[in-house]
Amino acid sequence: RENVATGRDRALGNTLAAGVAWQFAPLWTLRSG
């Protein structure tokens, strides 16, 4: 995401993300990730 160029080079980036949302009341939601 930083968009920094360091020349032509083989490189890899991986982002793994997990999340949960719990609406424990009609107007309230608890989120974690």
Full PDB file with SEQRES, HELIX, SHEET, SSBOND, CRYST1, ORIGX, SCALE, CONECT and MASTER records, all heavy atoms in Angstrom:
SEQRES   1 A   33  ARG GLU ASN VAL ALA THR GLY ARG ASP ARG ALA LEU GLY          
SEQRES   2 A   33  ASN THR LEU ALA ALA GLY VAL ALA TRP GLN PHE ALA PRO          
SEQRES   3 A   33  LEU TRP THR LEU ARG SER GLY                                  
SHEET    1 AA1 2 VAL A  20  ALA A  25  0                                        
SHEET    2 AA1 2 TRP A  28  SER A  32 -1                                        
CRYST1    1.000    1.000    1.000  90.00  90.00  90.00 P 1           1          
ORIGX1      1.000000  0.000000  0.000000        0.00000                         
ORIGX2      0.000000  1.000000  0.000000        0.00000                         
ORIGX3      0.000000  0.000000  1.000000        0.00000                         
SCALE1      1.000000  0.000000  0.000000        0.00000                         
SCALE2      0.000000  1.000000  0.000000        0.00000                         
SCALE3      0.000000  0.000000  1.000000        0.00000                         
ATOM      1  N   ARG A   1       0.808  -1.209   0.000  1.00  0.00           N  
ATOM      2  CA  ARG A   1       0.000   0.000   0.000  1.00  0.00           C  
ATOM      3  C   ARG A   1       0.847   1.267   0.000  1.00  0.00           C  
ATOM      4  O   ARG A   1       0.387   2.320  -0.424  1.00  0.00           O  
ATOM      5  CB  ARG A   1      -0.930   0.026   1.227  1.00  0.00           C  
ATOM      6  CG  ARG A   1      -1.976  -1.067   1.242  1.00  0.00           C  
ATOM      7  CD  ARG A   1      -2.836  -0.988   2.490  1.00  0.00           C  
ATOM      8  NE  ARG A   1      -3.733   0.162   2.471  1.00  0.00           N  
ATOM      9  CZ  ARG A   1      -3.672   1.163   3.308  1.00  0.00           C  
ATOM     10  NH1 ARG A   1      -2.726   1.204   4.234  1.00  0.00           N  
ATOM     11  NH2 ARG A   1      -4.552   2.161   3.256  1.00  0.00           N  
ATOM     12  N   GLU A   2       2.095   1.174   0.473  1.00  0.00           N  
ATOM     13  CA  GLU A   2       2.926   2.373   0.561  1.00  0.00           C  
ATOM     14  C   GLU A   2       3.340   2.896  -0.809  1.00  0.00           C  
ATOM     15  O   GLU A   2       3.762   4.045  -0.935  1.00  0.00           O  
ATOM     16  CB  GLU A   2       4.182   2.082   1.388  1.00  0.00           C  
ATOM     17  CG  GLU A   2       3.899   1.679   2.821  1.00  0.00           C  
ATOM     18  CD  GLU A   2       3.566   0.204   2.951  1.00  0.00           C  
ATOM     19  OE1 GLU A   2       4.120  -0.626   2.197  1.00  0.00           O  
ATOM     20  OE2 GLU A   2       2.723  -0.129   3.801  1.00  0.00           O  
ATOM     21  N   ASN A   3       3.270   2.042  -1.856  1.00  0.00           N  
ATOM     22  CA  ASN A   3       3.640   2.438  -3.218  1.00  0.00           C  
ATOM     23  C   ASN A   3       5.078   2.930  -3.325  1.00  0.00           C  
ATOM     24  O   ASN A   3       5.389   3.819  -4.120  1.00  0.00           O  
ATOM     25  CB  ASN A   3       2.691   3.509  -3.760  1.00  0.00           C  
ATOM     26  CG  ASN A   3       1.265   3.006  -3.907  1.00  0.00           C  
ATOM     27  OD1 ASN A   3       0.336   3.621  -3.414  1.00  0.00           O  
ATOM     28  ND2 ASN A   3       1.082   1.901  -4.580  1.00  0.00           N  
ATOM     29  N   VAL A   4       5.994   2.347  -2.542  1.00  0.00           N  
ATOM     30  CA  VAL A   4       7.405   2.717  -2.596  1.00  0.00           C  
ATOM     31  C   VAL A   4       8.095   1.875  -3.666  1.00  0.00           C  
ATOM     32  O   VAL A   4       8.020   0.643  -3.650  1.00  0.00           O  
ATOM     33  CB  VAL A   4       8.086   2.511  -1.235  1.00  0.00           C  
ATOM     34  CG1 VAL A   4       9.583   2.764  -1.340  1.00  0.00           C  
ATOM     35  CG2 VAL A   4       7.462   3.430  -0.193  1.00  0.00           C  
ATOM     36  N   ALA A   5       8.764   2.532  -4.621  1.00  0.00           N  
ATOM     37  CA  ALA A   5       9.488   1.839  -5.677  1.00  0.00           C  
ATOM     38  C   ALA A   5      10.954   1.708  -5.291  1.00  0.00           C  
ATOM     39  O   ALA A   5      11.613   2.694  -4.982  1.00  0.00           O  
ATOM     40  CB  ALA A   5       9.360   2.592  -6.993  1.00  0.00           C  
ATOM     41  N   THR A   6      11.477   0.491  -5.312  1.00  0.00           N  
ATOM     42  CA  THR A   6      12.882   0.226  -5.015  1.00  0.00           C  
ATOM     43  C   THR A   6      13.546  -0.468  -6.204  1.00  0.00           C  
ATOM     44  O   THR A   6      14.387  -1.348  -6.029  1.00  0.00           O  
ATOM     45  CB  THR A   6      13.023  -0.628  -3.749  1.00  0.00           C  
ATOM     46  OG1 THR A   6      12.209  -1.813  -3.889  1.00  0.00           O  
ATOM     47  CG2 THR A   6      12.575   0.133  -2.522  1.00  0.00           C  
ATOM     48  N   GLY A   7      13.140  -0.074  -7.407  1.00  0.00           N  
ATOM     49  CA  GLY A   7      13.696  -0.682  -8.606  1.00  0.00           C  
ATOM     50  C   GLY A   7      12.947  -1.936  -8.999  1.00  0.00           C  
ATOM     51  O   GLY A   7      11.956  -2.329  -8.377  1.00  0.00           O  
ATOM     52  N   ARG A   8      13.412  -2.566 -10.057  1.00  0.00           N  
ATOM     53  CA  ARG A   8      12.791  -3.807 -10.533  1.00  0.00           C  
ATOM     54  C   ARG A   8      13.353  -4.971  -9.727  1.00  0.00           C  
ATOM     55  O   ARG A   8      14.550  -5.270  -9.782  1.00  0.00           O  
ATOM     56  CB  ARG A   8      13.050  -3.989 -12.026  1.00  0.00           C  
ATOM     57  CG  ARG A   8      12.283  -5.157 -12.640  1.00  0.00           C  
ATOM     58  CD  ARG A   8      12.435  -5.201 -14.157  1.00  0.00           C  
ATOM     59  NE  ARG A   8      11.649  -6.282 -14.720  1.00  0.00           N  
ATOM     60  CZ  ARG A   8      10.353  -6.190 -15.027  1.00  0.00           C  
ATOM     61  NH1 ARG A   8       9.722  -5.045 -14.839  1.00  0.00           N  
ATOM     62  NH2 ARG A   8       9.701  -7.216 -15.528  1.00  0.00           N  
ATOM     63  N   ASP A   9      12.488  -5.642  -8.981  1.00  0.00           N  
ATOM     64  CA  ASP A   9      12.939  -6.691  -8.065  1.00  0.00           C  
ATOM     65  C   ASP A   9      11.769  -7.622  -7.793  1.00  0.00           C  
ATOM     66  O   ASP A   9      10.622  -7.176  -7.636  1.00  0.00           O  
ATOM     67  CB  ASP A   9      13.434  -6.065  -6.753  1.00  0.00           C  
ATOM     68  CG  ASP A   9      13.815  -7.109  -5.725  1.00  0.00           C  
ATOM     69  OD1 ASP A   9      14.538  -8.055  -6.067  1.00  0.00           O  
ATOM     70  OD2 ASP A   9      13.371  -6.976  -4.564  1.00  0.00           O  
ATOM     71  N   ARG A  10      12.038  -8.913  -7.729  1.00  0.00           N  
ATOM     72  CA  ARG A  10      10.982  -9.856  -7.371  1.00  0.00           C  
ATOM     73  C   ARG A  10      10.623  -9.655  -5.902  1.00  0.00           C  
ATOM     74  O   ARG A  10      11.479  -9.710  -5.025  1.00  0.00           O  
ATOM     75  CB  ARG A  10      11.434 -11.288  -7.616  1.00  0.00           C  
ATOM     76  CG  ARG A  10      11.532 -11.646  -9.090  1.00  0.00           C  
ATOM     77  CD  ARG A  10      11.845 -13.127  -9.265  1.00  0.00           C  
ATOM     78  NE  ARG A  10      11.905 -13.485 -10.671  1.00  0.00           N  
ATOM     79  CZ  ARG A  10      13.001 -13.458 -11.417  1.00  0.00           C  
ATOM     80  NH1 ARG A  10      14.139 -13.069 -10.865  1.00  0.00           N  
ATOM     81  NH2 ARG A  10      12.974 -13.794 -12.685  1.00  0.00           N  
ATOM     82  N   ALA A  11       9.349  -9.413  -5.661  1.00  0.00           N  
ATOM     83  CA  ALA A  11       8.885  -9.145  -4.291  1.00  0.00           C  
ATOM     84  C   ALA A  11       7.467  -9.664  -4.145  1.00  0.00           C  
ATOM     85  O   ALA A  11       6.729  -9.808  -5.133  1.00  0.00           O  
ATOM     86  CB  ALA A  11       8.933  -7.645  -3.999  1.00  0.00           C  
ATOM     87  N   LEU A  12       7.088  -9.944  -2.925  1.00  0.00           N  
ATOM     88  CA  LEU A  12       5.722 -10.388  -2.666  1.00  0.00           C  
ATOM     89  C   LEU A  12       5.185  -9.722  -1.415  1.00  0.00           C  
ATOM     90  O   LEU A  12       5.929  -9.373  -0.500  1.00  0.00           O  
ATOM     91  CB  LEU A  12       5.636 -11.916  -2.557  1.00  0.00           C  
ATOM     92  CG  LEU A  12       6.317 -12.635  -1.382  1.00  0.00           C  
ATOM     93  CD1 LEU A  12       5.436 -12.657  -0.128  1.00  0.00           C  
ATOM     94  CD2 LEU A  12       6.668 -14.075  -1.766  1.00  0.00           C  
ATOM     95  N   GLY A  13       3.878  -9.539  -1.412  1.00  0.00           N  
ATOM     96  CA  GLY A  13       3.167  -9.034  -0.242  1.00  0.00           C  
ATOM     97  C   GLY A  13       1.901  -9.838  -0.043  1.00  0.00           C  
ATOM     98  O   GLY A  13       1.223 -10.210  -1.011  1.00  0.00           O  
ATOM     99  N   ASN A  14       1.594 -10.143   1.204  1.00  0.00           N  
ATOM    100  CA  ASN A  14       0.390 -10.924   1.506  1.00  0.00           C  
ATOM    101  C   ASN A  14      -0.254 -10.375   2.769  1.00  0.00           C  
ATOM    102  O   ASN A  14       0.425 -10.110   3.764  1.00  0.00           O  
ATOM    103  CB  ASN A  14       0.723 -12.404   1.702  1.00  0.00           C  
ATOM    104  CG  ASN A  14      -0.529 -13.262   1.779  1.00  0.00           C  
ATOM    105  OD1 ASN A  14      -1.060 -13.666   0.746  1.00  0.00           O  
ATOM    106  ND2 ASN A  14      -1.012 -13.546   2.977  1.00  0.00           N  
ATOM    107  N   THR A  15      -1.572 -10.182   2.721  1.00  0.00           N  
ATOM    108  CA  THR A  15      -2.333  -9.741   3.883  1.00  0.00           C  
ATOM    109  C   THR A  15      -3.451 -10.738   4.150  1.00  0.00           C  
ATOM    110  O   THR A  15      -4.329 -10.935   3.304  1.00  0.00           O  
ATOM    111  CB  THR A  15      -2.931  -8.348   3.673  1.00  0.00           C  
ATOM    112  OG1 THR A  15      -1.876  -7.396   3.484  1.00  0.00           O  
ATOM    113  CG2 THR A  15      -3.761  -7.928   4.879  1.00  0.00           C  
ATOM    114  N   LEU A  16      -3.395 -11.372   5.313  1.00  0.00           N  
ATOM    115  CA  LEU A  16      -4.409 -12.321   5.754  1.00  0.00           C  
ATOM    116  C   LEU A  16      -5.149 -11.703   6.924  1.00  0.00           C  
ATOM    117  O   LEU A  16      -4.521 -11.251   7.891  1.00  0.00           O  
ATOM    118  CB  LEU A  16      -3.764 -13.641   6.170  1.00  0.00           C  
ATOM    119  CG  LEU A  16      -4.675 -14.718   6.744  1.00  0.00           C  
ATOM    120  CD1 LEU A  16      -5.664 -15.210   5.691  1.00  0.00           C  
ATOM    121  CD2 LEU A  16      -3.854 -15.881   7.296  1.00  0.00           C  
ATOM    122  N   ALA A  17      -6.485 -11.647   6.850  1.00  0.00           N  
ATOM    123  CA  ALA A  17      -7.264 -10.983   7.898  1.00  0.00           C  
ATOM    124  C   ALA A  17      -8.514 -11.794   8.209  1.00  0.00           C  
ATOM    125  O   ALA A  17      -9.142 -12.368   7.314  1.00  0.00           O  
ATOM    126  CB  ALA A  17      -7.659  -9.570   7.459  1.00  0.00           C  
ATOM    127  N   ALA A  18      -8.861 -11.830   9.503  1.00  0.00           N  
ATOM    128  CA  ALA A  18     -10.071 -12.498   9.970  1.00  0.00           C  
ATOM    129  C   ALA A  18     -10.825 -11.549  10.889  1.00  0.00           C  
ATOM    130  O   ALA A  18     -10.219 -10.753  11.616  1.00  0.00           O  
ATOM    131  CB  ALA A  18      -9.736 -13.796  10.706  1.00  0.00           C  
ATOM    132  N   GLY A  19     -12.147 -11.611  10.863  1.00  0.00           N  
ATOM    133  CA  GLY A  19     -12.950 -10.721  11.691  1.00  0.00           C  
ATOM    134  C   GLY A  19     -14.243 -11.371  12.144  1.00  0.00           C  
ATOM    135  O   GLY A  19     -14.705 -12.344  11.551  1.00  0.00           O  
ATOM    136  N   VAL A  20     -14.799 -10.820  13.208  1.00  0.00           N  
ATOM    137  CA  VAL A  20     -16.097 -11.272  13.714  1.00  0.00           C  
ATOM    138  C   VAL A  20     -16.901 -10.053  14.152  1.00  0.00           C  
ATOM    139  O   VAL A  20     -16.343  -9.100  14.720  1.00  0.00           O  
ATOM    140  CB  VAL A  20     -15.923 -12.263  14.896  1.00  0.00           C  
ATOM    141  CG1 VAL A  20     -15.113 -11.636  16.028  1.00  0.00           C  
ATOM    142  CG2 VAL A  20     -17.282 -12.745  15.403  1.00  0.00           C  
ATOM    143  N   ALA A  21     -18.182 -10.048  13.827  1.00  0.00           N  
ATOM    144  CA  ALA A  21     -19.101  -8.992  14.249  1.00  0.00           C  
ATOM    145  C   ALA A  21     -20.268  -9.636  14.999  1.00  0.00           C  
ATOM    146  O   ALA A  21     -20.889 -10.577  14.504  1.00  0.00           O  
ATOM    147  CB  ALA A  21     -19.610  -8.213  13.038  1.00  0.00           C  
ATOM    148  N   TRP A  22     -20.556  -9.101  16.195  1.00  0.00           N  
ATOM    149  CA  TRP A  22     -21.611  -9.656  17.045  1.00  0.00           C  
ATOM    150  C   TRP A  22     -22.559  -8.529  17.425  1.00  0.00           C  
ATOM    151  O   TRP A  22     -22.191  -7.610  18.145  1.00  0.00           O  
ATOM    152  CB  TRP A  22     -20.998 -10.284  18.297  1.00  0.00           C  
ATOM    153  CG  TRP A  22     -22.015 -10.752  19.303  1.00  0.00           C  
ATOM    154  CD1 TRP A  22     -23.248 -11.275  19.046  1.00  0.00           C  
ATOM    155  CD2 TRP A  22     -21.872 -10.743  20.732  1.00  0.00           C  
ATOM    156  NE1 TRP A  22     -23.896 -11.591  20.207  1.00  0.00           N  
ATOM    157  CE2 TRP A  22     -23.069 -11.274  21.260  1.00  0.00           C  
ATOM    158  CE3 TRP A  22     -20.854 -10.346  21.597  1.00  0.00           C  
ATOM    159  CZ2 TRP A  22     -23.270 -11.396  22.624  1.00  0.00           C  
ATOM    160  CZ3 TRP A  22     -21.051 -10.468  22.957  1.00  0.00           C  
ATOM    161  CH2 TRP A  22     -22.255 -10.997  23.461  1.00  0.00           C  
ATOM    162  N   GLN A  23     -23.781  -8.605  16.941  1.00  0.00           N  
ATOM    163  CA  GLN A  23     -24.808  -7.632  17.307  1.00  0.00           C  
ATOM    164  C   GLN A  23     -25.526  -8.158  18.554  1.00  0.00           C  
ATOM    165  O   GLN A  23     -26.500  -8.882  18.474  1.00  0.00           O  
ATOM    166  CB  GLN A  23     -25.799  -7.431  16.161  1.00  0.00           C  
ATOM    167  CG  GLN A  23     -26.803  -6.315  16.417  1.00  0.00           C  
ATOM    168  CD  GLN A  23     -27.732  -6.085  15.237  1.00  0.00           C  
ATOM    169  OE1 GLN A  23     -27.588  -6.692  14.185  1.00  0.00           O  
ATOM    170  NE2 GLN A  23     -28.705  -5.208  15.431  1.00  0.00           N  
ATOM    171  N   PHE A  24     -24.999  -7.768  19.723  1.00  0.00           N  
ATOM    172  CA  PHE A  24     -25.497  -8.331  20.968  1.00  0.00           C  
ATOM    173  C   PHE A  24     -26.723  -7.598  21.505  1.00  0.00           C  
ATOM    174  O   PHE A  24     -27.333  -8.033  22.484  1.00  0.00           O  
ATOM    175  CB  PHE A  24     -24.398  -8.347  22.033  1.00  0.00           C  
ATOM    176  CG  PHE A  24     -23.858  -6.992  22.390  1.00  0.00           C  
ATOM    177  CD1 PHE A  24     -24.416  -6.259  23.428  1.00  0.00           C  
ATOM    178  CD2 PHE A  24     -22.789  -6.448  21.697  1.00  0.00           C  
ATOM    179  CE1 PHE A  24     -23.915  -5.016  23.772  1.00  0.00           C  
ATOM    180  CE2 PHE A  24     -22.284  -5.199  22.033  1.00  0.00           C  
ATOM    181  CZ  PHE A  24     -22.848  -4.480  23.065  1.00  0.00           C  
ATOM    182  N   ALA A  25     -27.083  -6.482  20.877  1.00  0.00           N  
ATOM    183  CA  ALA A  25     -28.287  -5.741  21.232  1.00  0.00           C  
ATOM    184  C   ALA A  25     -28.777  -5.041  19.964  1.00  0.00           C  
ATOM    185  O   ALA A  25     -28.015  -4.871  19.007  1.00  0.00           O  
ATOM    186  CB  ALA A  25     -28.010  -4.734  22.343  1.00  0.00           C  
ATOM    187  N   PRO A  26     -30.042  -4.621  19.917  1.00  0.00           N  
ATOM    188  CA  PRO A  26     -30.569  -4.027  18.683  1.00  0.00           C  
ATOM    189  C   PRO A  26     -29.752  -2.851  18.151  1.00  0.00           C  
ATOM    190  O   PRO A  26     -29.640  -2.681  16.939  1.00  0.00           O  
ATOM    191  CB  PRO A  26     -31.983  -3.590  19.087  1.00  0.00           C  
ATOM    192  CG  PRO A  26     -32.366  -4.525  20.179  1.00  0.00           C  
ATOM    193  CD  PRO A  26     -31.103  -4.795  20.932  1.00  0.00           C  
ATOM    194  N   LEU A  27     -29.148  -2.037  19.039  1.00  0.00           N  
ATOM    195  CA  LEU A  27     -28.406  -0.859  18.605  1.00  0.00           C  
ATOM    196  C   LEU A  27     -26.909  -0.988  18.805  1.00  0.00           C  
ATOM    197  O   LEU A  27     -26.155  -0.052  18.506  1.00  0.00           O  
ATOM    198  CB  LEU A  27     -28.915   0.383  19.344  1.00  0.00           C  
ATOM    199  CG  LEU A  27     -30.404   0.725  19.172  1.00  0.00           C  
ATOM    200  CD1 LEU A  27     -30.766   1.948  19.993  1.00  0.00           C  
ATOM    201  CD2 LEU A  27     -30.745   0.945  17.699  1.00  0.00           C  
ATOM    202  N   TRP A  28     -26.443  -2.138  19.295  1.00  0.00           N  
ATOM    203  CA  TRP A  28     -25.029  -2.311  19.622  1.00  0.00           C  
ATOM    204  C   TRP A  28     -24.414  -3.456  18.815  1.00  0.00           C  
ATOM    205  O   TRP A  28     -25.028  -4.502  18.643  1.00  0.00           O  
ATOM    206  CB  TRP A  28     -24.851  -2.621  21.109  1.00  0.00           C  
ATOM    207  CG  TRP A  28     -25.048  -1.439  22.008  1.00  0.00           C  
ATOM    208  CD1 TRP A  28     -26.208  -1.018  22.580  1.00  0.00           C  
ATOM    209  CD2 TRP A  28     -24.035  -0.527  22.441  1.00  0.00           C  
ATOM    210  NE1 TRP A  28     -25.997   0.101  23.346  1.00  0.00           N  
ATOM    211  CE2 TRP A  28     -24.662   0.434  23.281  1.00  0.00           C  
ATOM    212  CE3 TRP A  28     -22.662  -0.423  22.213  1.00  0.00           C  
ATOM    213  CZ2 TRP A  28     -23.955   1.472  23.877  1.00  0.00           C  
ATOM    214  CZ3 TRP A  28     -21.968   0.609  22.807  1.00  0.00           C  
ATOM    215  CH2 TRP A  28     -22.615   1.542  23.631  1.00  0.00           C  
ATOM    216  N   THR A  29     -23.163  -3.228  18.353  1.00  0.00           N  
ATOM    217  CA  THR A  29     -22.408  -4.255  17.644  1.00  0.00           C  
ATOM    218  C   THR A  29     -20.974  -4.253  18.156  1.00  0.00           C  
ATOM    219  O   THR A  29     -20.359  -3.192  18.299  1.00  0.00           O  
ATOM    220  CB  THR A  29     -22.395  -4.021  16.125  1.00  0.00           C  
ATOM    221  OG1 THR A  29     -23.741  -4.010  15.635  1.00  0.00           O  
ATOM    222  CG2 THR A  29     -21.612  -5.115  15.412  1.00  0.00           C  
ATOM    223  N   LEU A  30     -20.457  -5.427  18.448  1.00  0.00           N  
ATOM    224  CA  LEU A  30     -19.081  -5.602  18.886  1.00  0.00           C  
ATOM    225  C   LEU A  30     -18.289  -6.214  17.731  1.00  0.00           C  
ATOM    226  O   LEU A  30     -18.699  -7.221  17.152  1.00  0.00           O  
ATOM    227  CB  LEU A  30     -19.016  -6.508  20.111  1.00  0.00           C  
ATOM    228  CG  LEU A  30     -17.664  -6.627  20.829  1.00  0.00           C  
ATOM    229  CD1 LEU A  30     -17.269  -5.296  21.439  1.00  0.00           C  
ATOM    230  CD2 LEU A  30     -17.724  -7.719  21.899  1.00  0.00           C  
ATOM    231  N   ARG A  31     -17.154  -5.594  17.375  1.00  0.00           N  
ATOM    232  CA  ARG A  31     -16.339  -6.077  16.260  1.00  0.00           C  
ATOM    233  C   ARG A  31     -14.916  -6.345  16.737  1.00  0.00           C  
ATOM    234  O   ARG A  31     -14.370  -5.585  17.545  1.00  0.00           O  
ATOM    235  CB  ARG A  31     -16.307  -5.052  15.124  1.00  0.00           C  
ATOM    236  CG  ARG A  31     -17.671  -4.709  14.557  1.00  0.00           C  
ATOM    237  CD  ARG A  31     -17.551  -3.734  13.393  1.00  0.00           C  
ATOM    238  NE  ARG A  31     -18.853  -3.288  12.946  1.00  0.00           N  
ATOM    239  CZ  ARG A  31     -19.622  -3.932  12.075  1.00  0.00           C  
ATOM    240  NH1 ARG A  31     -19.164  -5.073  11.553  1.00  0.00           N  
ATOM    241  NH2 ARG A  31     -20.799  -3.473  11.720  1.00  0.00           N  
ATOM    242  N   SER A  32     -14.305  -7.391  16.193  1.00  0.00           N  
ATOM    243  CA  SER A  32     -12.902  -7.685  16.475  1.00  0.00           C  
ATOM    244  C   SER A  32     -12.258  -8.248  15.209  1.00  0.00           C  
ATOM    245  O   SER A  32     -12.945  -8.799  14.340  1.00  0.00           O  
ATOM    246  CB  SER A  32     -12.756  -8.668  17.634  1.00  0.00           C  
ATOM    247  OG  SER A  32     -13.324  -9.921  17.292  1.00  0.00           O  
ATOM    248  N   GLY A  33     -10.938  -8.083  15.115  1.00  0.00           N  
ATOM    249  CA  GLY A  33     -10.249  -8.571  13.929  1.00  0.00           C  
ATOM    250  C   GLY A  33      -8.775  -8.814  14.180  1.00  0.00           C  
ATOM    251  O   GLY A  33      -8.170  -8.229  15.088  1.00  0.00           O  
TER     252      GLY A  33                                                      
MASTER        0    0    0    0    2    0    0    6  251    1    0    3          
END                                                                             
